[in-house]
Amino acid sequence: MLDWVPAADRLDLLAEPVAKAVPDLKVDLRATAIDPELADTAAFCEKYGVAPEDSANCVVVAAKRGGETRYAAVMVLATHRADINGIVRRHLDARKISFAPMDDAVSLTGMEYGGITPIGLPEGWPVLVDENVTRRDFVVIGSGLRRSKLALSGSDLVTATRGEVLLLTL
């Protein structure tokens, strides 16, 4: 049901910052068009027959300390929950951490809410990848737009994003 093609051949399916990042990636990255109404993980997996453990969500967090706010992306399988207030907060050395407000996440990334991906994020944003993601040979992630998805291996996700691998789930 999904027509996976090399992402470099379908830059039109990607948000602008993602499309700009793709030519420099040295990984096997695939893209496919989807119904934007089915972009949310549960609906996507059900409609397109993708197992939830083969889908990874990107959560943008705002880490605060001493009046400074830093942003990071957290990648976790759809079947798991990241320990944002514990492991992620401590790793980012934040006094307080929260999910970034939707307007901030959209404006800072240049991507659509519900399609944000760790590929093409602003310079300097850490990408924290749960080690369970790295064990997947095939994982579906956002493309920056709700009308498409990307797929790659968990290890290629780390390579493509220069991600930090941590055990982020309890």
C-alpha atoms as a PDB file:
ATOM      1  CA  MET A   1       0.000   0.000   0.000  1.00  0.00           C
ATOM      2  CA  LEU A   2       2.952   2.344   0.509  1.00  0.00           C
ATOM      3  CA  ASP A   3       5.249   3.207  -2.394  1.00  0.00           C
ATOM      4  CA  TRP A   4       8.671   3.745  -0.778  1.00  0.00           C
ATOM      5  CA  VAL A   5      11.120   5.524  -3.077  1.00  0.00           C
ATOM      6  CA  PRO A   6      14.504   7.140  -2.432  1.00  0.00           C
ATOM      7  CA  ALA A   7      13.815  10.396  -0.570  1.00  0.00           C
ATOM      8  CA  ALA A   8      16.274  12.236  -2.829  1.00  0.00           C
ATOM      9  CA  ASP A   9      13.948  11.418  -5.755  1.00  0.00           C
ATOM     10  CA  ARG A  10      10.881  12.931  -4.023  1.00  0.00           C
ATOM     11  CA  LEU A  11      12.042  16.132  -2.324  1.00  0.00           C
ATOM     12  CA  ASP A  12       8.548  17.491  -3.084  1.00  0.00           C
ATOM     13  CA  LEU A  13       7.255  15.202  -0.302  1.00  0.00           C
ATOM     14  CA  LEU A  14       9.509  16.806   2.309  1.00  0.00           C
ATOM     15  CA  ALA A  15       9.390  20.003   4.346  1.00  0.00           C
ATOM     16  CA  GLU A  16      11.956  22.535   3.124  1.00  0.00           C
ATOM     17  CA  PRO A  17      14.523  22.016   5.924  1.00  0.00           C
ATOM     18  CA  VAL A  18      14.298  18.238   5.466  1.00  0.00           C
ATOM     19  CA  ALA A  19      14.690  18.504   1.690  1.00  0.00           C
ATOM     20  CA  LYS A  20      17.781  20.694   2.189  1.00  0.00           C
ATOM     21  CA  ALA A  21      19.342  18.084   4.512  1.00  0.00           C
ATOM     22  CA  VAL A  22      18.684  14.998   2.356  1.00  0.00           C
ATOM     23  CA  PRO A  23      21.419  15.470  -0.303  1.00  0.00           C
ATOM     24  CA  ASP A  24      24.127  15.419   2.383  1.00  0.00           C
ATOM     25  CA  LEU A  25      22.898  12.248   4.072  1.00  0.00           C
ATOM     26  CA  LYS A  26      24.830   9.050   3.488  1.00  0.00           C
ATOM     27  CA  VAL A  27      22.017   6.682   4.470  1.00  0.00           C
ATOM     28  CA  ASP A  28      19.258   4.730   2.736  1.00  0.00           C
ATOM     29  CA  LEU A  29      16.337   7.105   3.312  1.00  0.00           C
ATOM     30  CA  ARG A  30      12.969   6.339   1.719  1.00  0.00           C
ATOM     31  CA  ALA A  31       9.868   8.512   1.321  1.00  0.00           C
ATOM     32  CA  THR A  32       6.227   7.800   0.593  1.00  0.00           C
ATOM     33  CA  ALA A  33       3.076   9.866   0.214  1.00  0.00           C
ATOM     34  CA  ILE A  34       0.218   9.295   2.662  1.00  0.00           C
ATOM     35  CA  ASP A  35      -3.189  10.745   3.414  1.00  0.00           C
ATOM     36  CA  PRO A  36      -2.453  13.769   5.665  1.00  0.00           C
ATOM     37  CA  GLU A  37      -5.567  12.974   7.696  1.00  0.00           C
ATOM     38  CA  LEU A  38      -3.848   9.715   8.690  1.00  0.00           C
ATOM     39  CA  ALA A  39      -0.482  11.197   9.722  1.00  0.00           C
ATOM     40  CA  ASP A  40      -0.963  10.543  13.442  1.00  0.00           C
ATOM     41  CA  THR A  41       0.818   7.346  14.421  1.00  0.00           C
ATOM     42  CA  ALA A  42      -2.122   5.142  15.443  1.00  0.00           C
ATOM     43  CA  ALA A  43      -4.205   6.050  12.388  1.00  0.00           C
ATOM     44  CA  PHE A  44      -1.205   5.714  10.057  1.00  0.00           C
ATOM     45  CA  CYS A  45      -0.212   2.287  11.397  1.00  0.00           C
ATOM     46  CA  GLU A  46      -3.764   0.961  11.201  1.00  0.00           C
ATOM     47  CA  LYS A  47      -4.472   2.232   7.687  1.00  0.00           C
ATOM     48  CA  TYR A  48      -1.124   1.352   6.118  1.00  0.00           C
ATOM     49  CA  GLY A  49      -0.380  -1.900   7.954  1.00  0.00           C
ATOM     50  CA  VAL A  50       2.782  -0.670   9.665  1.00  0.00           C
ATOM     51  CA  ALA A  51       3.435  -2.223  13.065  1.00  0.00           C
ATOM     52  CA  PRO A  52       3.603   0.407  15.848  1.00  0.00           C
ATOM     53  CA  GLU A  53       7.024  -0.952  16.844  1.00  0.00           C
ATOM     54  CA  ASP A  54       8.220   0.041  13.350  1.00  0.00           C
ATOM     55  CA  SER A  55       7.118   3.647  13.868  1.00  0.00           C
ATOM     56  CA  ALA A  56       9.100   6.233  15.829  1.00  0.00           C
ATOM     57  CA  ASN A  57       7.758   9.526  17.129  1.00  0.00           C
ATOM     58  CA  CYS A  58       9.725  12.751  17.312  1.00  0.00           C
ATOM     59  CA  VAL A  59       8.963  14.878  20.354  1.00  0.00           C
ATOM     60  CA  VAL A  60      10.352  18.407  20.609  1.00  0.00           C
ATOM     61  CA  VAL A  61      11.178  19.404  24.175  1.00  0.00           C
ATOM     62  CA  ALA A  62      12.043  22.757  25.718  1.00  0.00           C
ATOM     63  CA  ALA A  63      14.735  22.466  28.401  1.00  0.00           C
ATOM     64  CA  LYS A  64      15.072  25.438  30.755  1.00  0.00           C
ATOM     65  CA  ARG A  65      17.878  26.408  33.101  1.00  0.00           C
ATOM     66  CA  GLY A  66      18.936  29.817  34.368  1.00  0.00           C
ATOM     67  CA  GLY A  67      16.548  31.754  32.151  1.00  0.00           C
ATOM     68  CA  GLU A  68      17.788  30.006  28.999  1.00  0.00           C
ATOM     69  CA  THR A  69      15.614  27.714  26.884  1.00  0.00           C
ATOM     70  CA  ARG A  70      17.210  25.057  24.713  1.00  0.00           C
ATOM     71  CA  TYR A  71      15.339  22.739  22.374  1.00  0.00           C
ATOM     72  CA  ALA A  72      15.972  19.088  21.590  1.00  0.00           C
ATOM     73  CA  ALA A  73      14.305  16.264  19.688  1.00  0.00           C
ATOM     74  CA  VAL A  74      13.541  12.943  21.348  1.00  0.00           C
ATOM     75  CA  MET A  75      12.975   9.836  19.223  1.00  0.00           C
ATOM     76  CA  VAL A  76      11.069   6.934  20.730  1.00  0.00           C
ATOM     77  CA  LEU A  77       9.163   3.987  19.282  1.00  0.00           C
ATOM     78  CA  ALA A  78       5.393   4.401  19.140  1.00  0.00           C
ATOM     79  CA  THR A  79       5.122   1.460  21.541  1.00  0.00           C
ATOM     80  CA  HIS A  80       7.210   3.213  24.220  1.00  0.00           C
ATOM     81  CA  ARG A  81       7.149   6.422  26.250  1.00  0.00           C
ATOM     82  CA  ALA A  82      10.268   8.475  26.860  1.00  0.00           C
ATOM     83  CA  ASP A  83      11.045   9.511  30.425  1.00  0.00           C
ATOM     84  CA  ILE A  84      11.015  13.228  29.614  1.00  0.00           C
ATOM     85  CA  ASN A  85      10.909  14.526  33.201  1.00  0.00           C
ATOM     86  CA  GLY A  86      13.634  12.188  34.421  1.00  0.00           C
ATOM     87  CA  ILE A  87      16.181  10.794  31.972  1.00  0.00           C
ATOM     88  CA  VAL A  88      15.800  13.465  29.269  1.00  0.00           C
ATOM     89  CA  ARG A  89      15.731  16.385  31.729  1.00  0.00           C
ATOM     90  CA  ARG A  90      18.868  15.170  33.514  1.00  0.00           C
ATOM     91  CA  HIS A  91      20.699  14.434  30.251  1.00  0.00           C
ATOM     92  CA  LEU A  92      19.990  17.965  29.005  1.00  0.00           C
ATOM     93  CA  ASP A  93      20.976  19.406  32.420  1.00  0.00           C
ATOM     94  CA  ALA A  94      17.677  21.263  32.710  1.00  0.00           C
ATOM     95  CA  ARG A  95      15.913  22.417  35.843  1.00  0.00           C
ATOM     96  CA  LYS A  96      12.595  22.229  34.032  1.00  0.00           C
ATOM     97  CA  ILE A  97      11.582  20.454  30.847  1.00  0.00           C
ATOM     98  CA  SER A  98       8.349  20.346  28.907  1.00  0.00           C
ATOM     99  CA  PHE A  99       7.008  19.554  25.495  1.00  0.00           C
ATOM    100  CA  ALA A 100       7.678  22.579  23.322  1.00  0.00           C
ATOM    101  CA  PRO A 101       4.536  24.592  22.614  1.00  0.00           C
ATOM    102  CA  MET A 102       3.110  23.689  19.200  1.00  0.00           C
ATOM    103  CA  ASP A 103       3.622  27.195  17.767  1.00  0.00           C
ATOM    104  CA  ASP A 104       7.271  27.198  18.872  1.00  0.00           C
ATOM    105  CA  ALA A 105       7.938  23.705  17.517  1.00  0.00           C
ATOM    106  CA  VAL A 106       6.418  24.587  14.134  1.00  0.00           C
ATOM    107  CA  SER A 107       8.059  27.997  13.751  1.00  0.00           C
ATOM    108  CA  LEU A 108      11.504  26.894  14.929  1.00  0.00           C
ATOM    109  CA  THR A 109      11.646  23.709  12.810  1.00  0.00           C
ATOM    110  CA  GLY A 110       9.881  24.938   9.671  1.00  0.00           C
ATOM    111  CA  MET A 111       7.845  21.727   9.757  1.00  0.00           C
ATOM    112  CA  GLU A 112       4.188  20.867  10.223  1.00  0.00           C
ATOM    113  CA  TYR A 113       2.905  19.805  13.622  1.00  0.00           C
ATOM    114  CA  GLY A 114       2.340  16.071  13.495  1.00  0.00           C
ATOM    115  CA  GLY A 115       5.068  15.637  10.890  1.00  0.00           C
ATOM    116  CA  ILE A 116       8.142  16.960  12.697  1.00  0.00           C
ATOM    117  CA  THR A 117      11.209  14.830  12.089  1.00  0.00           C
ATOM    118  CA  PRO A 118      14.759  14.896  13.464  1.00  0.00           C
ATOM    119  CA  ILE A 119      16.223  15.299   9.983  1.00  0.00           C
ATOM    120  CA  GLY A 120      16.738  18.962   9.093  1.00  0.00           C
ATOM    121  CA  LEU A 121      16.347  20.388  12.603  1.00  0.00           C
ATOM    122  CA  PRO A 122      17.996  23.694  13.463  1.00  0.00           C
ATOM    123  CA  GLU A 123      21.764  23.612  13.991  1.00  0.00           C
ATOM    124  CA  GLY A 124      22.776  22.734  17.514  1.00  0.00           C
ATOM    125  CA  TRP A 125      19.615  20.903  18.531  1.00  0.00           C
ATOM    126  CA  PRO A 126      20.479  17.601  20.204  1.00  0.00           C
ATOM    127  CA  VAL A 127      18.670  14.528  18.900  1.00  0.00           C
ATOM    128  CA  LEU A 128      18.210  11.903  21.608  1.00  0.00           C
ATOM    129  CA  VAL A 129      17.400   8.475  20.209  1.00  0.00           C
ATOM    130  CA  ASP A 130      16.043   5.752  22.451  1.00  0.00           C
ATOM    131  CA  GLU A 131      18.213   2.652  22.058  1.00  0.00           C
ATOM    132  CA  ASN A 132      15.088   0.608  21.199  1.00  0.00           C
ATOM    133  CA  VAL A 133      14.803   2.650  17.980  1.00  0.00           C
ATOM    134  CA  THR A 134      18.349   1.699  16.989  1.00  0.00           C
ATOM    135  CA  ARG A 135      17.443  -1.990  17.048  1.00  0.00           C
ATOM    136  CA  ARG A 136      14.895  -1.616  14.229  1.00  0.00           C
ATOM    137  CA  ASP A 137      15.907  -2.528  10.674  1.00  0.00           C
ATOM    138  CA  PHE A 138      13.010  -0.416   9.394  1.00  0.00           C
ATOM    139  CA  VAL A 139      11.476   2.536  11.211  1.00  0.00           C
ATOM    140  CA  VAL A 140       8.944   5.063   9.917  1.00  0.00           C
ATOM    141  CA  ILE A 141       9.353   8.713  10.948  1.00  0.00           C
ATOM    142  CA  GLY A 142       7.879  12.036   9.917  1.00  0.00           C
ATOM    143  CA  SER A 143       8.958  13.940   6.825  1.00  0.00           C
ATOM    144  CA  GLY A 144       8.293  17.432   8.118  1.00  0.00           C
ATOM    145  CA  LEU A 145       4.896  17.343   6.389  1.00  0.00           C
ATOM    146  CA  ARG A 146       1.736  15.479   7.338  1.00  0.00           C
ATOM    147  CA  ARG A 147       1.263  14.204   3.771  1.00  0.00           C
ATOM    148  CA  SER A 148       4.271  11.901   3.727  1.00  0.00           C
ATOM    149  CA  LYS A 149       6.560   9.685   5.803  1.00  0.00           C
ATOM    150  CA  LEU A 150      10.208   8.695   5.759  1.00  0.00           C
ATOM    151  CA  ALA A 151      11.711   5.283   6.511  1.00  0.00           C
ATOM    152  CA  LEU A 152      15.214   4.130   7.347  1.00  0.00           C
ATOM    153  CA  SER A 153      16.949   1.781   9.745  1.00  0.00           C
ATOM    154  CA  GLY A 154      17.334   2.788  13.365  1.00  0.00           C
ATOM    155  CA  SER A 155      21.114   2.867  13.023  1.00  0.00           C
ATOM    156  CA  ASP A 156      20.835   5.077   9.921  1.00  0.00           C
ATOM    157  CA  LEU A 157      18.582   7.418  11.908  1.00  0.00           C
ATOM    158  CA  VAL A 158      21.401   7.917  14.410  1.00  0.00           C
ATOM    159  CA  THR A 159      23.893   8.508  11.578  1.00  0.00           C
ATOM    160  CA  ALA A 160      21.606  10.927   9.703  1.00  0.00           C
ATOM    161  CA  THR A 161      20.904  13.054  12.778  1.00  0.00           C
ATOM    162  CA  ARG A 162      24.206  12.644  14.646  1.00  0.00           C
ATOM    163  CA  GLY A 163      21.908  11.435  17.392  1.00  0.00           C
ATOM    164  CA  GLU A 164      22.876  10.461  20.909  1.00  0.00           C
ATOM    165  CA  VAL A 165      21.729   6.949  21.805  1.00  0.00           C
ATOM    166  CA  LEU A 166      20.317   6.579  25.327  1.00  0.00           C
ATOM    167  CA  LEU A 167      17.904   4.313  27.124  1.00  0.00           C
ATOM    168  CA  LEU A 168      15.092   6.878  27.310  1.00  0.00           C
ATOM    169  CA  THR A 169      12.281   4.622  28.447  1.00  0.00           C
ATOM    170  CA  LEU A 170      11.598   3.216  31.883  1.00  0.00           C
END
